[in-house]
Amino acid sequence: MGSAPVQVSTCRALASLSEFGPFDLLSDIAHRYYVDGFSEQAISACERWLPLTVAAGDVITTRYLLYIEAIALEDRGLNDEAISVARALLTNLGDDLEPMWRAKALSVVAESSTRLGRHGDAIAALAEADWLLQAIPTDTYGHLSASMAVALALRSLSLLEQADAALSHIRGGQDAAADIYVMQELALLSTYWGAALLLIGYDREAAGHFVVGASRARAMVRLAAAEGDSQMVARGEVIEAYTAMHLGELALAAARVRAAAQQFVARPELVETLLMQLVLAQEATTAGSFTDAQERLTSLISHTEIASREVWSATARASLAEVFEAQLGPHPGLDEWRTVARNALIRVWSERETRFAALRDHDHLRELAAETDRVGQAAMQDPLTGLGNRRVLDDFVDQTPGRAWAVFVDVDDFKHINDTYSHAAGDRVLIALADILRAQSRDADLLVRYGGDEFLILPAGGEDAAVAVAHRVHEAVAAGPWSSIADGLGVTVSIGVGQAVDSSPDPLTAADVALLSAKRNGRNRIVIAR
């Protein structure tokens, strides 16, 4: 296995420090191997470094290495293995949402499943990945990276309009390297689109996409030149040369390709290498160098079939048929082959609407589920304070038995507050008290507006946790800036703490009795029922 010249180039301007781990340089090197077409080295690097990052507890770099290994396996045509690694990444996420990582891993599952002919699996994975993009903050590296992955998965399903729209909306901001990669994928998408249309006989439409591809390739060259990235400049020039060939400029295209070939390693994993060989094969055919053309195209077909690149494989086969025809003259068998190949691609093309409809159905189901969840949350939430209501309490008690202690909090003389300072002031008192409860409770504690001016805390933990939160709330209320709600306003609370009994018809009786005792004994105090 040959070594690759590694020039580490990373997309960091959009990223916060927390998006990368202490061993991030390792993932940078592995990613550069992949970008430069050295997929085998990328896979080996990931496999070699993963035990280190796992042992060091570098979760973020571990995820980057898993993702790079998955996409490198895809490039090698090892799609089942790519899916396995992507699923290992999903397992690594555990119960955390991590929308960027889930979207990227699911995009790998979608693209590899498409190549394996498992379109149902692909659409389900892609629909979830696309949905997750909404949860990723825009103008971040995570959003850019996940959007790229989703767009490429859309392309694999021949949903080219959707892929183009997704890529066109990606912005690298101040990150020039990201802008180069986005423009590269846009240029390759237009080129791919034109090639596919050409194969099924839509020559005029294909020409339009080649024109767009040429413009995008030129933009990629400008961006790369501004960054001094000679390899990406050369790859952009190859894309532009391929479009020029289809726009009637074969001699110019061949000259550009030969010049660009000196500036980057033409690895078979790179699409630009395929485009280069197609241009040089066409030049050889035109010059009558049929053996040279056949050798280039035969090798290209072999590599494209390994990597499951059907459109480029079909393009190479169509070019090979042209070589035979130029060398041997017309033959009915070649026409028959063209008809069979074209019909197969037309079937794939016609399935695009079905796939898009299936993807849209998944989105509609998710929207419906989200709306149902929002309605459900509203039904379980007190509209004034945002705390849970009695329905939340009932469900929680049923599903989480064993919360052994309860804390009731009641506003003293709340009617007097309403009558003296207005009901609007009373509402603001309740909202402020709810904020105090949130601030003084832990994430695992359940907070409920029990009714009127009465609140309930079911703390995670036993008696000590209940007593502690009761004291924290009482002290916070005493220190509250109540005069900011109304001049002269003061607020105190009575608190009852008691053991809850799951087997009792009213498990909160002890805390309720303790609250009543606090009220009867002068208010503004805590009573604990033991």
Protein backbone atom coordinates (compact mmCIF):
# COMPACT_ATOMS: atom_id res chain seq x y z
CA MET A 1 0.00 0.00 0.00
CA GLY A 2 1.62 3.27 -1.14
CA SER A 3 2.00 6.22 1.13
CA ALA A 4 0.06 9.44 0.57
CA PRO A 5 1.39 12.95 0.91
CA VAL A 6 -0.66 14.37 3.78
CA GLN A 7 -1.36 18.07 3.92
CA VAL A 8 -3.67 18.70 6.82
CA SER A 9 -6.41 21.14 5.85
CA THR A 10 -9.32 21.52 8.20
CA CYS A 11 -12.65 23.36 8.38
CA ARG A 12 -12.49 25.20 11.68
CA ALA A 13 -13.73 28.78 11.30
CA LEU A 14 -17.31 27.70 11.93
CA ALA A 15 -16.45 25.42 14.82
CA SER A 16 -16.42 26.01 18.53
CA LEU A 17 -13.70 24.29 20.53
CA SER A 18 -16.19 21.77 21.91
CA GLU A 19 -16.80 20.39 18.42
CA PHE A 20 -13.30 18.84 18.32
CA GLY A 21 -11.39 16.56 20.68
CA PRO A 22 -7.80 16.59 22.02
CA PHE A 23 -6.68 14.01 19.41
CA ASP A 24 -8.36 15.90 16.57
CA LEU A 25 -5.14 16.00 14.52
CA LEU A 26 -5.51 12.24 13.97
CA SER A 27 -8.94 12.67 12.41
CA ASP A 28 -7.57 15.54 10.29
CA ILE A 29 -4.88 13.25 8.86
CA ALA A 30 -7.35 10.41 8.23
CA HIS A 31 -9.76 12.83 6.56
CA ARG A 32 -7.04 14.21 4.30
CA TYR A 33 -6.18 10.66 3.22
CA TYR A 34 -9.84 10.24 2.28
CA VAL A 35 -10.18 13.59 0.50
CA ASP A 36 -7.06 12.90 -1.57
CA GLY A 37 -8.39 9.52 -2.67
CA PHE A 38 -6.30 7.29 -0.39
CA SER A 39 -9.27 5.41 1.04
CA GLU A 40 -7.29 2.34 2.08
CA GLN A 41 -4.89 4.48 4.09
CA ALA A 42 -7.81 6.34 5.62
CA ILE A 43 -9.41 3.07 6.72
CA SER A 44 -6.11 1.75 8.12
CA ALA A 45 -5.45 5.01 9.98
CA CYS A 46 -8.92 4.96 11.56
CA GLU A 47 -8.59 1.33 12.61
CA ARG A 48 -5.13 2.02 14.05
CA TRP A 49 -6.10 5.15 16.00
CA LEU A 50 -9.57 4.23 17.25
CA PRO A 51 -8.27 2.09 20.17
CA LEU A 52 -6.14 5.07 21.25
CA THR A 53 -8.97 7.61 21.23
CA VAL A 54 -11.34 5.19 22.94
CA ALA A 55 -8.78 4.43 25.68
CA ALA A 56 -8.08 8.16 26.12
CA GLY A 57 -11.78 8.92 26.44
CA ASP A 58 -11.69 11.28 23.45
CA VAL A 59 -15.30 10.73 22.44
CA ILE A 60 -15.41 13.40 19.73
CA THR A 61 -12.33 12.23 17.82
CA THR A 62 -13.57 8.64 18.13
CA ARG A 63 -16.77 9.69 16.36
CA TYR A 64 -14.85 11.50 13.62
CA LEU A 65 -12.68 8.43 13.02
CA LEU A 66 -15.71 6.13 12.84
CA TYR A 67 -17.39 8.44 10.32
CA ILE A 68 -14.25 8.76 8.17
CA GLU A 69 -13.81 4.99 8.20
CA ALA A 70 -17.43 4.54 7.09
CA ILE A 71 -17.22 6.93 4.13
CA ALA A 72 -13.83 5.53 3.12
CA LEU A 73 -15.34 2.02 3.10
CA GLU A 74 -18.08 3.38 0.85
CA ASP A 75 -15.46 4.66 -1.56
CA ARG A 76 -13.97 1.18 -1.68
CA GLY A 77 -17.37 -0.29 -2.49
CA LEU A 78 -17.51 -2.09 0.87
CA ASN A 79 -21.04 -0.96 1.56
CA ASP A 80 -22.08 -3.60 4.10
CA GLU A 81 -18.97 -2.79 6.13
CA ALA A 82 -19.70 0.93 5.81
CA ILE A 83 -23.19 0.39 7.23
CA SER A 84 -21.76 -1.64 10.13
CA VAL A 85 -19.31 1.13 11.04
CA ALA A 86 -22.06 3.78 10.70
CA ARG A 87 -24.24 1.76 13.05
CA ALA A 88 -21.30 1.47 15.46
CA LEU A 89 -21.20 5.27 15.43
CA LEU A 90 -24.93 5.39 16.21
CA THR A 91 -24.36 2.94 19.07
CA ASN A 92 -21.54 5.16 20.33
CA LEU A 93 -24.04 8.01 20.67
CA GLY A 94 -26.15 6.03 23.12
CA ASP A 95 -29.28 7.87 24.20
CA ASP A 96 -27.85 11.30 23.41
CA LEU A 97 -29.59 13.13 20.56
CA GLU A 98 -26.36 14.43 18.93
CA PRO A 99 -28.20 15.43 15.73
CA MET A 100 -25.05 16.15 13.70
CA TRP A 101 -23.56 12.73 14.30
CA ARG A 102 -26.85 10.91 13.86
CA ALA A 103 -27.52 12.72 10.59
CA LYS A 104 -24.05 11.90 9.26
CA ALA A 105 -24.18 8.25 10.29
CA LEU A 106 -27.69 7.82 8.88
CA SER A 107 -26.57 9.45 5.62
CA VAL A 108 -23.91 6.76 5.28
CA VAL A 109 -26.53 4.09 5.92
CA ALA A 110 -28.76 5.70 3.27
CA GLU A 111 -26.03 5.97 0.62
CA SER A 112 -24.63 2.48 1.16
CA SER A 113 -28.12 0.96 1.29
CA THR A 114 -28.90 2.61 -2.06
CA ARG A 115 -25.80 1.05 -3.60
CA LEU A 116 -26.90 -2.33 -2.26
CA GLY A 117 -30.37 -1.91 -3.75
CA ARG A 118 -32.07 -1.58 -0.35
CA HIS A 119 -34.03 1.51 -1.25
CA GLY A 120 -36.58 1.20 1.53
CA ASP A 121 -33.80 1.21 4.15
CA ALA A 122 -32.10 4.08 2.34
CA ILE A 123 -35.19 6.29 2.29
CA ALA A 124 -36.01 5.60 5.95
CA ALA A 125 -32.45 6.48 7.03
CA LEU A 126 -32.31 9.55 4.80
CA ALA A 127 -35.66 10.85 6.03
CA GLU A 128 -34.47 10.70 9.62
CA ALA A 129 -31.13 12.33 8.74
CA ASP A 130 -32.85 15.14 6.87
CA TRP A 131 -35.23 15.70 9.78
CA LEU A 132 -32.34 15.91 12.24
CA LEU A 133 -30.81 18.85 10.36
CA GLN A 134 -33.47 21.07 11.91
CA ALA A 135 -32.00 20.42 15.36
CA ILE A 136 -28.47 21.56 14.40
CA PRO A 137 -27.70 25.27 14.84
CA THR A 138 -27.03 26.94 11.51
CA ASP A 139 -23.70 28.68 10.83
CA THR A 140 -21.85 25.88 12.63
CA TYR A 141 -19.43 23.29 11.35
CA GLY A 142 -21.88 20.61 12.47
CA HIS A 143 -24.68 21.95 10.28
CA LEU A 144 -22.39 22.30 7.28
CA SER A 145 -20.95 18.82 7.69
CA ALA A 146 -24.30 17.10 8.23
CA SER A 147 -25.91 19.01 5.35
CA MET A 148 -23.14 17.83 3.02
CA ALA A 149 -23.68 14.23 4.10
CA VAL A 150 -27.44 14.45 3.58
CA ALA A 151 -26.99 16.08 0.15
CA LEU A 152 -24.68 13.28 -1.02
CA ALA A 153 -27.15 10.67 0.19
CA LEU A 154 -29.90 12.45 -1.78
CA ARG A 155 -27.67 12.28 -4.87
CA SER A 156 -27.15 8.54 -4.40
CA LEU A 157 -30.94 8.10 -4.63
CA SER A 158 -30.93 10.20 -7.83
CA LEU A 159 -32.89 12.92 -6.02
CA LEU A 160 -30.72 15.45 -7.80
CA GLU A 161 -32.96 18.50 -7.50
CA GLN A 162 -33.14 18.02 -3.74
CA ALA A 163 -29.39 17.37 -3.50
CA ASP A 164 -28.64 20.51 -5.50
CA ALA A 165 -30.94 22.59 -3.29
CA ALA A 166 -29.35 21.19 -0.13
CA LEU A 167 -25.80 21.89 -1.33
CA SER A 168 -26.69 25.35 -2.62
CA HIS A 169 -27.94 26.40 0.82
CA ILE A 170 -24.72 25.41 2.58
CA ARG A 171 -22.53 28.34 3.53
CA GLY A 172 -19.00 28.03 4.87
CA GLY A 173 -19.04 31.54 6.31
CA GLN A 174 -15.43 32.47 7.00
CA ASP A 175 -14.20 28.93 6.30
CA ALA A 176 -12.56 28.94 2.87
CA ALA A 177 -11.76 25.21 2.95
CA ALA A 178 -15.42 24.41 3.54
CA ASP A 179 -16.43 26.66 0.64
CA ILE A 180 -14.04 24.77 -1.66
CA TYR A 181 -15.52 21.39 -0.71
CA VAL A 182 -19.09 22.62 -1.14
CA MET A 183 -18.34 24.08 -4.56
CA GLN A 184 -16.56 20.88 -5.55
CA GLU A 185 -19.61 18.79 -4.70
CA LEU A 186 -21.88 21.22 -6.56
CA ALA A 187 -19.64 21.01 -9.65
CA LEU A 188 -19.53 17.19 -9.47
CA LEU A 189 -23.30 17.06 -9.00
CA SER A 190 -23.93 19.10 -12.16
CA THR A 191 -21.46 16.91 -14.07
CA TYR A 192 -23.09 13.73 -12.78
CA TRP A 193 -26.52 15.10 -13.67
CA GLY A 194 -25.42 15.95 -17.21
CA ALA A 195 -23.84 12.51 -17.69
CA ALA A 196 -27.00 10.75 -16.50
CA LEU A 197 -29.22 12.79 -18.82
CA LEU A 198 -26.88 12.15 -21.73
CA LEU A 199 -27.09 8.40 -21.19
CA ILE A 200 -30.89 8.39 -21.41
CA GLY A 201 -30.99 10.58 -24.49
CA TYR A 202 -31.78 14.01 -23.03
CA ASP A 203 -28.92 15.75 -24.82
CA ARG A 204 -30.24 19.32 -24.64
CA GLU A 205 -30.99 19.11 -20.92
CA ALA A 206 -27.59 17.51 -20.33
CA ALA A 207 -25.82 20.42 -22.05
CA GLY A 208 -27.48 22.84 -19.64
CA HIS A 209 -26.09 20.97 -16.65
CA PHE A 210 -22.62 20.80 -18.21
CA VAL A 211 -22.69 24.60 -18.57
CA VAL A 212 -23.62 24.96 -14.89
CA GLY A 213 -20.96 22.39 -13.98
CA ALA A 214 -18.32 24.37 -15.86
CA SER A 215 -19.25 27.56 -14.00
CA ARG A 216 -19.14 25.79 -10.64
CA ALA A 217 -15.82 24.12 -11.44
CA ARG A 218 -14.36 27.51 -12.36
CA ALA A 219 -15.62 28.92 -9.04
CA MET A 220 -13.99 25.98 -7.23
CA VAL A 221 -10.69 26.71 -8.99
CA ARG A 222 -10.82 30.36 -7.92
CA LEU A 223 -11.54 29.46 -4.30
CA ALA A 224 -8.79 26.85 -4.20
CA ALA A 225 -6.28 29.16 -5.88
CA ALA A 226 -7.00 31.86 -3.30
CA GLU A 227 -6.13 29.33 -0.58
CA GLY A 228 -3.03 28.07 -2.38
CA ASP A 229 -4.46 24.53 -2.61
CA SER A 230 -2.89 23.32 -5.86
CA GLN A 231 -4.44 19.86 -5.66
CA MET A 232 -7.98 21.21 -5.44
CA VAL A 233 -7.19 23.70 -8.21
CA ALA A 234 -6.16 20.79 -10.43
CA ARG A 235 -9.23 18.74 -9.54
CA GLY A 236 -11.48 21.67 -10.35
CA GLU A 237 -9.75 22.06 -13.70
CA VAL A 238 -10.40 18.38 -14.48
CA ILE A 239 -14.12 18.82 -13.77
CA GLU A 240 -14.20 21.90 -15.97
CA ALA A 241 -12.32 20.03 -18.73
CA TYR A 242 -14.86 17.20 -18.69
CA THR A 243 -17.72 19.66 -19.15
CA ALA A 244 -15.76 21.38 -21.94
CA MET A 245 -15.48 18.06 -23.77
CA HIS A 246 -19.26 17.69 -23.76
CA LEU A 247 -19.61 21.28 -24.93
CA GLY A 248 -17.53 20.55 -28.05
CA GLU A 249 -14.02 21.49 -26.87
CA LEU A 250 -12.26 18.11 -26.80
CA ALA A 251 -8.76 19.39 -27.66
CA LEU A 252 -8.95 22.07 -24.97
CA ALA A 253 -10.33 19.54 -22.49
CA ALA A 254 -7.51 17.05 -23.14
CA ALA A 255 -4.84 19.72 -22.79
CA ARG A 256 -6.34 20.94 -19.49
CA VAL A 257 -6.55 17.40 -18.15
CA ARG A 258 -2.92 16.64 -18.98
CA ALA A 259 -1.76 19.81 -17.27
CA ALA A 260 -3.90 19.14 -14.19
CA ALA A 261 -2.68 15.54 -13.93
CA GLN A 262 0.73 16.82 -12.83
CA GLN A 263 -0.75 18.55 -9.79
CA PHE A 264 -2.54 15.76 -7.92
CA VAL A 265 -2.37 12.01 -7.42
CA ALA A 266 -5.01 10.52 -9.74
CA ARG A 267 -6.30 7.89 -7.36
CA PRO A 268 -9.09 5.63 -8.74
CA GLU A 269 -11.32 6.52 -5.75
CA LEU A 270 -11.54 10.13 -6.96
CA VAL A 271 -14.35 11.05 -9.35
CA GLU A 272 -11.96 13.52 -10.98
CA THR A 273 -9.75 10.57 -11.97
CA LEU A 274 -12.72 8.97 -13.73
CA LEU A 275 -13.46 12.22 -15.56
CA MET A 276 -9.82 12.50 -16.58
CA GLN A 277 -9.79 9.00 -18.05
CA LEU A 278 -13.05 9.64 -19.93
CA VAL A 279 -11.56 12.75 -21.55
CA LEU A 280 -8.29 11.02 -22.47
CA ALA A 281 -10.16 7.97 -23.81
CA GLN A 282 -12.28 10.23 -26.01
CA GLU A 283 -9.13 11.96 -27.27
CA ALA A 284 -7.54 8.57 -28.02
CA THR A 285 -10.65 7.39 -29.88
CA THR A 286 -10.73 10.54 -31.99
CA ALA A 287 -7.01 10.09 -32.79
CA GLY A 288 -7.53 6.44 -33.74
CA SER A 289 -5.60 5.10 -30.73
CA PHE A 290 -8.22 2.48 -30.04
CA THR A 291 -6.09 0.20 -27.85
CA ASP A 292 -5.21 3.10 -25.56
CA ALA A 293 -8.88 4.11 -25.31
CA GLN A 294 -9.99 0.53 -24.61
CA GLU A 295 -7.41 0.07 -21.86
CA ARG A 296 -8.40 3.30 -20.13
CA LEU A 297 -12.11 2.55 -20.29
CA THR A 298 -11.77 -1.10 -19.26
CA SER A 299 -9.79 -0.08 -16.19
CA LEU A 300 -12.29 2.68 -15.43
CA ILE A 301 -15.23 0.26 -15.66
CA SER A 302 -13.52 -2.08 -13.22
CA HIS A 303 -13.00 0.67 -10.65
CA THR A 304 -16.48 2.16 -11.00
CA GLU A 305 -18.16 -1.21 -10.53
CA ILE A 306 -16.13 -1.88 -7.38
CA ALA A 307 -17.27 1.46 -5.97
CA SER A 308 -20.91 1.01 -7.12
CA ARG A 309 -20.82 4.13 -9.32
CA GLU A 310 -23.47 3.09 -11.81
CA VAL A 311 -23.72 6.31 -13.84
CA TRP A 312 -19.97 6.55 -14.39
CA SER A 313 -19.76 2.84 -15.14
CA ALA A 314 -22.53 3.20 -17.72
CA THR A 315 -20.80 6.28 -19.16
CA ALA A 316 -17.57 4.34 -19.54
CA ARG A 317 -19.39 1.43 -21.20
CA ALA A 318 -21.11 3.80 -23.62
CA SER A 319 -17.72 5.30 -24.48
CA LEU A 320 -16.29 1.81 -24.96
CA ALA A 321 -19.10 1.00 -27.38
CA GLU A 322 -18.18 4.13 -29.32
CA VAL A 323 -14.56 2.94 -29.46
CA PHE A 324 -15.59 -0.42 -30.92
CA GLU A 325 -17.89 1.29 -33.39
CA ALA A 326 -15.17 3.71 -34.49
CA GLN A 327 -12.71 0.83 -34.87
CA LEU A 328 -14.94 -1.86 -36.37
CA GLY A 329 -17.89 0.03 -37.81
CA PRO A 330 -21.59 -0.12 -36.86
CA HIS A 331 -22.85 -3.36 -35.36
CA PRO A 332 -26.42 -4.34 -34.35
CA GLY A 333 -25.12 -5.73 -31.08
CA LEU A 334 -23.83 -2.32 -30.01
CA ASP A 335 -27.19 -0.71 -30.73
CA GLU A 336 -28.91 -3.42 -28.72
CA TRP A 337 -26.50 -2.90 -25.85
CA ARG A 338 -27.18 0.85 -25.88
CA THR A 339 -30.94 0.22 -25.81
CA VAL A 340 -30.70 -2.17 -22.85
CA ALA A 341 -28.40 0.17 -20.91
CA ARG A 342 -30.55 3.20 -21.67
CA ASN A 343 -33.77 1.44 -20.61
CA ALA A 344 -32.16 0.40 -17.32
CA LEU A 345 -31.16 3.97 -16.56
CA ILE A 346 -34.57 5.28 -17.65
CA ARG A 347 -36.17 2.93 -15.10
CA VAL A 348 -33.87 4.29 -12.40
CA TRP A 349 -34.67 7.84 -13.50
CA SER A 350 -38.41 7.20 -13.50
CA GLU A 351 -38.19 5.85 -9.93
CA ARG A 352 -37.02 9.25 -8.71
CA GLU A 353 -40.59 10.49 -8.28
CA THR A 354 -41.51 7.40 -6.29
CA ARG A 355 -38.47 7.83 -4.06
CA PHE A 356 -39.17 11.50 -3.54
CA ALA A 357 -42.79 10.73 -2.67
CA ALA A 358 -41.63 8.10 -0.16
CA LEU A 359 -39.18 10.57 1.38
CA ARG A 360 -41.92 13.22 1.56
CA ASP A 361 -44.27 10.71 3.23
CA HIS A 362 -41.64 10.05 5.90
CA ASP A 363 -41.33 13.80 6.45
CA HIS A 364 -45.09 14.20 6.77
CA LEU A 365 -45.25 11.39 9.33
CA ARG A 366 -42.49 13.04 11.34
CA GLU A 367 -44.24 16.40 11.16
CA LEU A 368 -47.45 14.78 12.35
CA ALA A 369 -45.62 13.03 15.19
CA ALA A 370 -43.93 16.29 16.19
CA GLU A 371 -47.24 18.16 16.14
CA THR A 372 -48.87 15.41 18.20
CA ASP A 373 -45.99 15.64 20.66
CA ARG A 374 -46.39 19.42 20.86
CA VAL A 375 -50.12 19.06 21.50
CA GLY A 376 -49.41 16.40 24.09
CA GLN A 377 -46.83 18.60 25.81
CA ALA A 378 -49.30 21.48 25.89
CA ALA A 379 -51.89 19.24 27.50
CA MET A 380 -49.36 18.27 30.19
CA GLN A 381 -48.09 21.78 30.90
CA ASP A 382 -49.38 24.64 33.01
CA PRO A 383 -49.78 27.50 30.53
CA LEU A 384 -48.88 30.26 33.00
CA THR A 385 -45.72 28.91 34.62
CA GLY A 386 -44.57 26.28 32.12
CA LEU A 387 -44.33 23.68 34.89
CA GLY A 388 -46.08 20.35 34.71
CA ASN A 389 -49.74 20.09 35.64
CA ARG A 390 -51.74 17.47 37.51
CA ARG A 391 -51.78 15.18 34.46
CA VAL A 392 -47.98 15.11 34.48
CA LEU A 393 -48.07 14.24 38.17
CA ASP A 394 -50.50 11.36 37.63
CA ASP A 395 -48.43 9.92 34.79
CA PHE A 396 -45.20 10.36 36.71
CA VAL A 397 -46.51 8.62 39.83
CA ASP A 398 -47.78 5.72 37.71
CA GLN A 399 -44.53 5.34 35.75
CA THR A 400 -42.02 6.21 38.46
CA PRO A 401 -43.00 4.58 41.74
CA GLY A 402 -40.73 5.00 44.71
CA ARG A 403 -40.34 8.80 44.84
CA ALA A 404 -40.54 8.52 48.61
CA TRP A 405 -40.73 12.20 49.59
CA ALA A 406 -42.81 15.16 48.47
CA VAL A 407 -42.51 18.92 49.03
CA PHE A 408 -45.55 21.23 48.87
CA VAL A 409 -44.94 24.98 48.44
CA ASP A 410 -47.82 27.43 48.95
CA VAL A 411 -47.80 31.24 48.58
CA ASP A 412 -48.87 32.91 51.81
CA ASP A 413 -51.86 35.29 51.59
CA PHE A 414 -52.03 35.01 47.83
CA LYS A 415 -55.59 36.36 47.77
CA HIS A 416 -54.31 39.50 49.50
CA ILE A 417 -51.66 39.91 46.76
CA ASN A 418 -54.32 39.65 44.04
CA ASP A 419 -56.71 42.04 45.81
CA THR A 420 -54.05 44.62 46.72
CA TYR A 421 -51.69 44.59 43.76
CA SER A 422 -53.90 43.18 40.96
CA HIS A 423 -54.32 39.75 39.41
CA ALA A 424 -51.62 40.61 36.86
CA ALA A 425 -49.16 41.10 39.72
CA GLY A 426 -50.34 37.80 41.21
CA ASP A 427 -49.62 36.03 37.94
CA ARG A 428 -46.13 37.51 37.88
CA VAL A 429 -45.56 36.23 41.42
CA LEU A 430 -46.51 32.70 40.36
CA ILE A 431 -44.23 32.88 37.31
CA ALA A 432 -41.34 34.16 39.44
CA LEU A 433 -41.93 31.42 42.02
CA ALA A 434 -41.87 28.79 39.25
CA ASP A 435 -38.50 30.19 38.14
CA ILE A 436 -37.21 29.90 41.71
CA LEU A 437 -38.34 26.27 41.88
CA ARG A 438 -36.50 25.50 38.65
CA ALA A 439 -33.35 27.22 39.84
CA GLN A 440 -33.32 25.47 43.21
CA SER A 441 -34.25 21.99 41.97
CA ARG A 442 -32.20 19.40 40.12
CA ASP A 443 -32.87 18.15 36.60
CA ALA A 444 -34.24 14.86 37.90
CA ASP A 445 -36.79 16.53 40.23
CA LEU A 446 -40.41 16.76 39.07
CA LEU A 447 -41.98 20.22 39.37
CA VAL A 448 -45.76 20.66 39.22
CA ARG A 449 -48.17 23.52 39.63
CA TYR A 450 -50.56 21.62 41.83
CA GLY A 451 -53.34 24.19 41.69
CA GLY A 452 -53.84 27.91 42.22
CA ASP A 453 -50.91 29.17 44.31
CA GLU A 454 -49.76 25.70 45.36
CA PHE A 455 -46.74 23.90 43.89
CA LEU A 456 -45.28 20.44 44.33
CA ILE A 457 -41.75 19.07 44.09
CA LEU A 458 -41.07 15.34 43.91
CA PRO A 459 -37.30 15.27 44.43
CA ALA A 460 -35.03 12.50 43.23
CA GLY A 461 -33.63 11.08 46.46
CA GLY A 462 -34.88 10.52 49.97
CA GLU A 463 -35.62 12.68 52.97
CA ASP A 464 -32.32 14.59 52.81
CA ALA A 465 -32.95 15.70 49.22
CA ALA A 466 -36.50 16.80 50.06
CA VAL A 467 -35.47 18.80 53.14
CA ALA A 468 -32.55 20.40 51.26
CA VAL A 469 -34.66 21.61 48.33
CA ALA A 470 -37.31 22.90 50.76
CA HIS A 471 -34.71 25.06 52.52
CA ARG A 472 -33.21 26.29 49.26
CA VAL A 473 -36.63 27.36 47.97
CA HIS A 474 -37.58 29.02 51.24
CA GLU A 475 -34.34 31.03 51.33
CA ALA A 476 -34.59 32.02 47.66
CA VAL A 477 -38.16 33.26 48.10
CA ALA A 478 -37.12 35.29 51.16
CA ALA A 479 -34.36 36.92 49.09
CA GLY A 480 -36.52 37.48 46.00
CA PRO A 481 -36.77 40.98 44.46
CA TRP A 482 -40.54 41.10 44.80
CA SER A 483 -40.70 44.88 44.82
CA SER A 484 -39.75 44.81 41.14
CA ILE A 485 -43.23 43.37 40.49
CA ALA A 486 -45.03 45.97 42.61
CA ASP A 487 -43.87 48.61 45.08
CA GLY A 488 -44.15 47.37 48.63
CA LEU A 489 -44.84 43.77 47.60
CA GLY A 490 -43.43 41.06 49.82
CA VAL A 491 -43.86 37.33 49.29
CA THR A 492 -43.39 34.42 51.66
CA VAL A 493 -44.19 30.74 51.30
CA SER A 494 -45.21 27.91 53.56
CA ILE A 495 -43.64 24.53 52.82
CA GLY A 496 -44.68 21.06 53.87
CA VAL A 497 -42.36 18.06 53.52
CA GLY A 498 -43.57 14.52 53.98
CA GLN A 499 -43.05 10.94 52.95
CA ALA A 500 -45.11 9.74 50.01
CA VAL A 501 -46.72 6.32 50.29
CA ASP A 502 -47.28 4.60 46.93
CA SER A 503 -49.80 2.15 48.38
CA SER A 504 -51.97 4.89 49.85
CA PRO A 505 -55.05 6.17 47.99
CA ASP A 506 -53.57 9.66 48.54
CA PRO A 507 -49.78 9.19 48.61
CA LEU A 508 -49.12 12.91 49.25
CA THR A 509 -51.13 13.12 52.47
CA ALA A 510 -48.13 13.51 54.80
CA ALA A 511 -46.69 16.46 52.87
CA ASP A 512 -50.17 18.02 52.59
CA VAL A 513 -50.72 17.73 56.34
CA ALA A 514 -47.27 19.26 56.95
CA LEU A 515 -48.17 22.20 54.70
CA LEU A 516 -51.42 22.72 56.57
CA SER A 517 -49.47 22.73 59.85
CA ALA A 518 -47.08 25.37 58.47
CA LYS A 519 -50.05 27.55 57.55
CA ARG A 520 -51.73 27.17 60.93
CA ASN A 521 -48.55 27.92 62.84
CA GLY A 522 -47.93 31.35 61.38
CA ARG A 523 -46.93 30.73 57.73
CA ASN A 524 -43.50 31.51 56.22
CA ARG A 525 -41.99 28.32 57.57
CA ILE A 526 -41.10 24.73 56.75
CA VAL A 527 -42.78 21.82 58.51
CA ILE A 528 -41.43 18.31 58.06
CA ALA A 529 -43.68 15.33 58.83
CA ARG A 530 -41.58 12.46 60.14
